Amino acid sequence: MSSIGRLIRKNHAAVFWCTRHYPKAKREAVYTLYALFKHFDDLTSSLLPAKEKAEILAAWQEEVVNIYEKKVPVTDIGRRIYKNCLRFKLPRECLEDIVKGVAMDCPETMFRPSLKEFERYCCYISEIPSYLILKVIAEFDEQTIKALAKSIGQAVEITQILRNMKEDALGGHIYIPEEYLIQAGVEDNLTAKEILVHKHLYGARAKLAEIARQAYVEAYRLLEENHNKNSKPIVYMLNLYHTYFEMMDKRGWEVISPKPELKFKDRCKLIYRALFHINAA
C-alpha cells in the first residue's frame, strides 16, 4: 500500500474501503485529492499566524503554476497531483479556484458574507472539489458531473456550516449570508458570539437548511439516474451528511449544540448502504 493510501485509510477509512475495487490509477488520484482537501482544511483551522497562512496560500498559487506548466512542484502533495491526477484532465482553473476559496476564509475569517459571496465560497470550497472527484471516478457525462457536483457541494457544505455553528462562531466565523440573518431579525452590529446566542438565529439557520434540503433531493435524483459502482464513495459521503442533516432537522434549527455525531457501528451501516444501495433514507 502506498503512503498516501495509508494516510487515507487512517483519516478517511470509508473512502478507502469504498474505492478498493478501483484501478490503481483512480485510487491514487482520489487519495491525492482527498489529501489536498485535508491539507487546506487543516490550514484554515490551524493556529498559525495570519501572515504565515497568507504566505502558504501564496505559495500554493505558485504551486498550481508549477504543476500545470510542467515545472518541478515544491510540495509532496503538488508532486502527487502532477503524478496521479493530471492524466484525468483536471482543469487548472479548478485548483486555482479552490485556493481562492480557502483565501476567502483564511487568514481572515469569513463573517456574515453577502449571499453572492456565500454562493461563490460554496462553489470554490465544496462544489469544485466534488467536481474533481467525480471527474476521476464517476464516468458520467460532463453535464451530469457539473449538476451533481453543484447539488452535492451545496448539500454537504451547508450541512457542515449548520453542524459546526458553535465552534465556528467561537472562532469568529459566521458563514450564514447577511441577507438571511437580517431577514431573521439578527442585527448587523453583533459579534460572532452574540449571533450564536441570538433568539432569532434559528430563522436564518432554517432558511439555509432549505437550500440544503433541495440540494439533497436533486443529488439523490441524479445518483439514482446515473449510479454506477465507481460512485460508491460519493454515495457514502452524501448519506453521511444527509444523516447529520436529518438529525438536526428533527431536533429543530434552534438547537445548535451538541453537534450531531455518529457511532462507529452507524458509520459502518452507511458504508454498507453505499456499497449495496443508493439512498440512506
Protein backbone atom coordinates (compact mmCIF):
# COMPACT_ATOMS: atom_id res chain seq x y z
CA MET A 1 0.00 0.00 0.00
CA SER A 2 1.31 3.47 -0.86
CA SER A 3 1.99 6.05 1.86
CA ILE A 4 -0.92 8.16 0.67
CA GLY A 5 -3.13 5.07 0.80
CA ARG A 6 -2.19 4.62 4.45
CA LEU A 7 -2.95 8.30 5.08
CA ILE A 8 -6.43 7.97 3.58
CA ARG A 9 -7.08 4.70 5.42
CA LYS A 10 -6.29 6.49 8.68
CA ASN A 11 -8.21 9.74 8.04
CA HIS A 12 -10.91 8.70 5.53
CA ALA A 13 -11.46 5.00 6.19
CA ALA A 14 -14.82 4.91 4.40
CA VAL A 15 -13.34 6.43 1.26
CA PHE A 16 -10.50 3.90 1.44
CA TRP A 17 -12.83 0.88 1.61
CA CYS A 18 -15.32 2.24 -0.96
CA THR A 19 -12.52 2.63 -3.52
CA ARG A 20 -10.73 -0.70 -3.10
CA HIS A 21 -12.21 -2.00 -6.36
CA TYR A 22 -10.82 0.94 -8.39
CA PRO A 23 -7.87 0.52 -10.72
CA LYS A 24 -4.70 1.75 -9.03
CA ALA A 25 -4.57 4.96 -11.09
CA LYS A 26 -8.03 6.02 -9.93
CA ARG A 27 -7.34 5.09 -6.32
CA GLU A 28 -4.14 7.12 -6.22
CA ALA A 29 -5.85 10.13 -7.84
CA VAL A 30 -8.76 10.05 -5.37
CA TYR A 31 -6.41 9.65 -2.40
CA THR A 32 -4.31 12.57 -3.63
CA LEU A 33 -7.31 14.87 -3.98
CA TYR A 34 -8.58 13.98 -0.50
CA ALA A 35 -5.10 14.66 0.90
CA LEU A 36 -5.13 18.07 -0.79
CA PHE A 37 -8.55 18.96 0.62
CA LYS A 38 -7.49 17.86 4.11
CA HIS A 39 -4.36 19.98 3.83
CA PHE A 40 -6.44 23.08 3.15
CA ASP A 41 -8.92 22.23 5.93
CA ASP A 42 -6.04 21.87 8.36
CA LEU A 43 -4.54 25.17 7.21
CA THR A 44 -7.79 27.08 7.75
CA SER A 45 -8.29 25.68 11.26
CA SER A 46 -4.65 25.87 12.32
CA LEU A 47 -3.27 28.30 14.90
CA LEU A 48 -0.54 29.55 12.57
CA PRO A 49 -0.07 33.35 12.44
CA ALA A 50 -2.12 35.10 9.77
CA LYS A 51 1.00 36.16 7.91
CA GLU A 52 2.24 32.57 7.66
CA LYS A 53 -1.16 31.35 6.42
CA ALA A 54 -1.14 34.04 3.73
CA GLU A 55 2.36 33.02 2.68
CA ILE A 56 1.30 29.36 2.39
CA LEU A 57 -1.66 30.29 0.19
CA ALA A 58 0.56 32.47 -1.99
CA ALA A 59 2.95 29.54 -2.32
CA TRP A 60 0.04 27.34 -3.41
CA GLN A 61 -0.79 29.79 -6.18
CA GLU A 62 2.76 29.26 -7.42
CA GLU A 63 2.50 25.50 -6.91
CA VAL A 64 -0.51 25.29 -9.24
CA VAL A 65 1.61 27.02 -11.88
CA ASN A 66 4.40 24.52 -11.28
CA ILE A 67 2.00 21.58 -11.67
CA TYR A 68 0.42 22.70 -14.91
CA GLU A 69 3.43 24.27 -16.59
CA LYS A 70 5.49 21.13 -16.02
CA LYS A 71 7.91 22.71 -13.60
CA VAL A 72 9.05 20.82 -10.52
CA PRO A 73 6.36 21.03 -7.80
CA VAL A 74 7.74 22.10 -4.44
CA THR A 75 5.36 20.22 -2.14
CA ASP A 76 4.82 16.50 -1.75
CA ILE A 77 1.10 16.92 -2.50
CA GLY A 78 1.94 19.00 -5.56
CA ARG A 79 4.20 16.25 -6.87
CA ARG A 80 1.47 13.68 -6.24
CA ILE A 81 -1.08 15.82 -8.10
CA TYR A 82 1.28 16.01 -11.05
CA LYS A 83 1.92 12.26 -10.95
CA ASN A 84 -1.54 10.93 -10.07
CA CYS A 85 -4.17 13.42 -11.21
CA LEU A 86 -3.26 15.14 -14.47
CA ARG A 87 -3.98 12.02 -16.53
CA PHE A 88 -7.66 12.65 -15.72
CA LYS A 89 -7.53 16.10 -17.37
CA LEU A 90 -8.49 18.07 -14.27
CA PRO A 91 -8.83 21.75 -15.23
CA ARG A 92 -6.17 24.10 -13.91
CA GLU A 93 -8.77 26.76 -13.06
CA CYS A 94 -10.42 24.33 -10.63
CA LEU A 95 -7.31 24.14 -8.43
CA GLU A 96 -6.86 27.90 -8.74
CA ASP A 97 -10.45 28.45 -7.60
CA ILE A 98 -10.04 26.10 -4.62
CA VAL A 99 -7.10 28.21 -3.45
CA LYS A 100 -9.26 31.33 -3.91
CA GLY A 101 -11.98 29.71 -1.82
CA VAL A 102 -9.59 28.92 1.02
CA ALA A 103 -8.37 32.52 0.88
CA MET A 104 -11.93 33.77 1.46
CA ASP A 105 -11.76 32.33 4.99
CA CYS A 106 -8.02 32.27 5.65
CA PRO A 107 -6.18 34.09 7.12
CA GLU A 108 -9.11 36.49 7.70
CA THR A 109 -12.23 34.67 8.91
CA MET A 110 -15.46 34.83 6.92
CA PHE A 111 -18.08 36.89 8.76
CA ARG A 112 -21.64 37.44 7.52
CA PRO A 113 -20.85 37.22 3.79
CA SER A 114 -23.30 38.51 1.23
CA LEU A 115 -25.41 35.84 -0.44
CA LYS A 116 -23.34 36.25 -3.60
CA GLU A 117 -20.08 35.81 -1.65
CA PHE A 118 -21.53 32.78 0.15
CA GLU A 119 -22.51 31.12 -3.13
CA ARG A 120 -19.04 31.74 -4.55
CA TYR A 121 -17.44 30.33 -1.39
CA CYS A 122 -19.56 27.15 -1.56
CA CYS A 123 -18.64 26.77 -5.21
CA TYR A 124 -14.91 27.10 -4.59
CA ILE A 125 -14.67 25.13 -1.36
CA SER A 126 -17.15 22.29 -1.94
CA GLU A 127 -18.70 22.17 -5.41
CA ILE A 128 -15.37 22.23 -7.26
CA PRO A 129 -13.76 19.54 -5.04
CA SER A 130 -16.84 17.38 -5.68
CA TYR A 131 -16.45 18.04 -9.40
CA LEU A 132 -12.80 16.94 -9.37
CA ILE A 133 -13.57 13.71 -7.52
CA LEU A 134 -16.41 12.95 -9.92
CA LYS A 135 -14.16 13.67 -12.92
CA VAL A 136 -11.83 10.95 -11.71
CA ILE A 137 -14.23 8.27 -10.58
CA ALA A 138 -17.76 8.51 -11.87
CA GLU A 139 -17.54 8.20 -15.67
CA PHE A 140 -20.63 10.38 -16.13
CA ASP A 141 -21.12 12.87 -18.94
CA GLU A 142 -19.87 16.41 -18.27
CA GLN A 143 -23.32 17.91 -17.79
CA THR A 144 -24.23 15.31 -15.17
CA ILE A 145 -20.91 15.76 -13.36
CA LYS A 146 -21.43 19.53 -13.11
CA ALA A 147 -25.04 19.20 -11.92
CA LEU A 148 -24.19 16.51 -9.38
CA ALA A 149 -21.14 18.39 -8.08
CA LYS A 150 -23.26 21.50 -7.55
CA SER A 151 -26.01 19.72 -5.62
CA ILE A 152 -23.61 17.61 -3.54
CA GLY A 153 -21.36 20.60 -2.86
CA GLN A 154 -24.23 22.75 -1.63
CA ALA A 155 -25.78 20.00 0.49
CA VAL A 156 -22.54 18.96 2.18
CA GLU A 157 -21.12 22.43 2.77
CA ILE A 158 -24.35 23.84 4.22
CA THR A 159 -24.73 20.79 6.46
CA GLN A 160 -21.19 21.33 7.71
CA ILE A 161 -21.90 25.02 8.38
CA LEU A 162 -25.05 24.20 10.34
CA ARG A 163 -23.42 21.30 12.19
CA ASN A 164 -20.27 23.23 13.21
CA MET A 165 -22.04 26.51 14.04
CA LYS A 166 -20.89 26.71 17.65
CA GLU A 167 -17.20 26.00 17.17
CA ASP A 168 -17.07 28.18 14.05
CA ALA A 169 -18.68 31.13 15.84
CA LEU A 170 -16.35 30.77 18.83
CA GLY A 171 -13.51 31.06 16.30
CA GLY A 172 -15.05 34.21 14.76
CA HIS A 173 -16.58 32.54 11.68
CA ILE A 174 -20.16 33.29 10.66
CA TYR A 175 -20.93 31.70 7.30
CA ILE A 176 -24.68 32.36 7.13
CA PRO A 177 -25.38 35.04 4.49
CA GLU A 178 -26.05 38.57 5.69
CA GLU A 179 -29.40 38.68 3.90
CA TYR A 180 -30.68 35.62 5.79
CA LEU A 181 -29.54 37.00 9.14
CA ILE A 182 -31.22 40.37 8.57
CA GLN A 183 -34.44 38.73 7.37
CA ALA A 184 -34.49 36.60 10.52
CA GLY A 185 -34.03 39.66 12.75
CA VAL A 186 -30.36 39.23 13.67
CA GLU A 187 -28.92 42.76 13.92
CA ASP A 188 -25.86 43.73 11.90
CA ASN A 189 -23.71 45.11 14.74
CA LEU A 190 -23.21 41.90 16.71
CA THR A 191 -20.13 39.83 17.38
CA ALA A 192 -19.95 36.19 16.34
CA LYS A 193 -20.59 35.05 19.93
CA GLU A 194 -23.61 37.34 20.21
CA ILE A 195 -25.01 35.96 16.97
CA LEU A 196 -24.52 32.42 18.28
CA VAL A 197 -26.94 33.01 21.18
CA HIS A 198 -29.37 35.30 19.35
CA LYS A 199 -33.01 34.25 19.80
CA HIS A 200 -33.76 34.68 16.08
CA LEU A 201 -30.73 32.83 14.70
CA TYR A 202 -32.84 29.71 14.16
CA GLY A 203 -34.76 31.52 11.39
CA ALA A 204 -31.57 32.13 9.37
CA ARG A 205 -30.43 28.56 10.01
CA ALA A 206 -33.78 27.20 8.82
CA LYS A 207 -33.62 29.28 5.64
CA LEU A 208 -30.14 27.98 4.87
CA ALA A 209 -31.32 24.44 5.65
CA GLU A 210 -33.99 24.70 2.95
CA ILE A 211 -31.28 25.17 0.32
CA ALA A 212 -29.52 22.04 1.58
CA ARG A 213 -32.78 20.08 1.64
CA GLN A 214 -33.44 20.84 -2.02
CA ALA A 215 -29.83 20.06 -2.90
CA TYR A 216 -30.09 16.62 -1.27
CA VAL A 217 -33.24 15.85 -3.26
CA GLU A 218 -31.51 16.81 -6.51
CA ALA A 219 -28.31 14.93 -5.66
CA TYR A 220 -30.16 11.70 -4.89
CA ARG A 221 -32.24 12.07 -8.04
CA LEU A 222 -29.12 12.39 -10.17
CA LEU A 223 -27.42 9.48 -8.43
CA GLU A 224 -30.43 7.24 -8.90
CA GLU A 225 -30.42 8.06 -12.63
CA ASN A 226 -26.66 7.69 -13.12
CA HIS A 227 -25.37 5.46 -10.34
CA ASN A 228 -22.53 3.05 -11.09
CA LYS A 229 -20.10 1.08 -8.95
CA ASN A 230 -17.49 3.85 -9.10
CA SER A 231 -19.71 6.40 -7.36
CA LYS A 232 -19.80 4.49 -4.06
CA PRO A 233 -17.59 6.91 -2.08
CA ILE A 234 -19.78 9.80 -3.24
CA VAL A 235 -22.89 7.88 -2.14
CA TYR A 236 -21.31 7.23 1.27
CA MET A 237 -20.38 10.89 1.77
CA LEU A 238 -23.83 12.08 0.73
CA ASN A 239 -25.54 9.54 3.01
CA LEU A 240 -23.30 10.55 5.92
CA TYR A 241 -24.06 14.26 5.68
CA HIS A 242 -27.72 13.63 4.92
CA THR A 243 -27.91 11.66 8.16
CA TYR A 244 -26.39 14.58 10.06
CA PHE A 245 -28.82 16.95 8.34
CA GLU A 246 -31.84 14.84 9.28
CA MET A 247 -30.68 14.63 12.91
CA MET A 248 -30.52 18.43 13.11
CA ASP A 249 -33.76 18.90 11.22
CA LYS A 250 -35.58 16.52 13.55
CA ARG A 251 -34.46 18.26 16.74
CA GLY A 252 -35.10 21.78 15.35
CA TRP A 253 -32.86 24.54 13.98
CA GLU A 254 -32.93 26.46 17.25
CA VAL A 255 -30.73 23.72 18.74
CA ILE A 256 -27.06 24.32 17.99
CA SER A 257 -25.19 22.19 20.49
CA PRO A 258 -24.12 19.46 20.76
CA LYS A 259 -23.38 18.86 17.11
CA PRO A 260 -24.65 15.50 15.85
CA GLU A 261 -22.21 12.60 15.80
CA LEU A 262 -22.50 9.02 14.60
CA LYS A 263 -21.22 5.95 16.40
CA PHE A 264 -18.78 3.65 14.64
CA LYS A 265 -21.45 0.99 14.05
CA ASP A 266 -23.71 3.59 12.40
CA ARG A 267 -20.90 4.67 10.08
CA CYS A 268 -20.37 1.02 9.17
CA LYS A 269 -24.05 0.76 8.25
CA LEU A 270 -23.65 3.76 5.96
CA ILE A 271 -20.65 2.14 4.28
CA TYR A 272 -22.76 -0.98 3.72
CA ARG A 273 -25.56 1.09 2.21
CA ALA A 274 -23.10 2.83 -0.08
CA LEU A 275 -21.73 -0.49 -1.25
CA PHE A 276 -25.11 -2.05 -1.95
CA HIS A 277 -27.71 0.71 -2.19
CA ILE A 278 -28.20 4.36 -3.21
CA ASN A 279 -30.08 6.19 -0.51
CA ALA A 280 -29.68 6.22 3.27
CA ALA A 281 -33.25 7.41 3.79
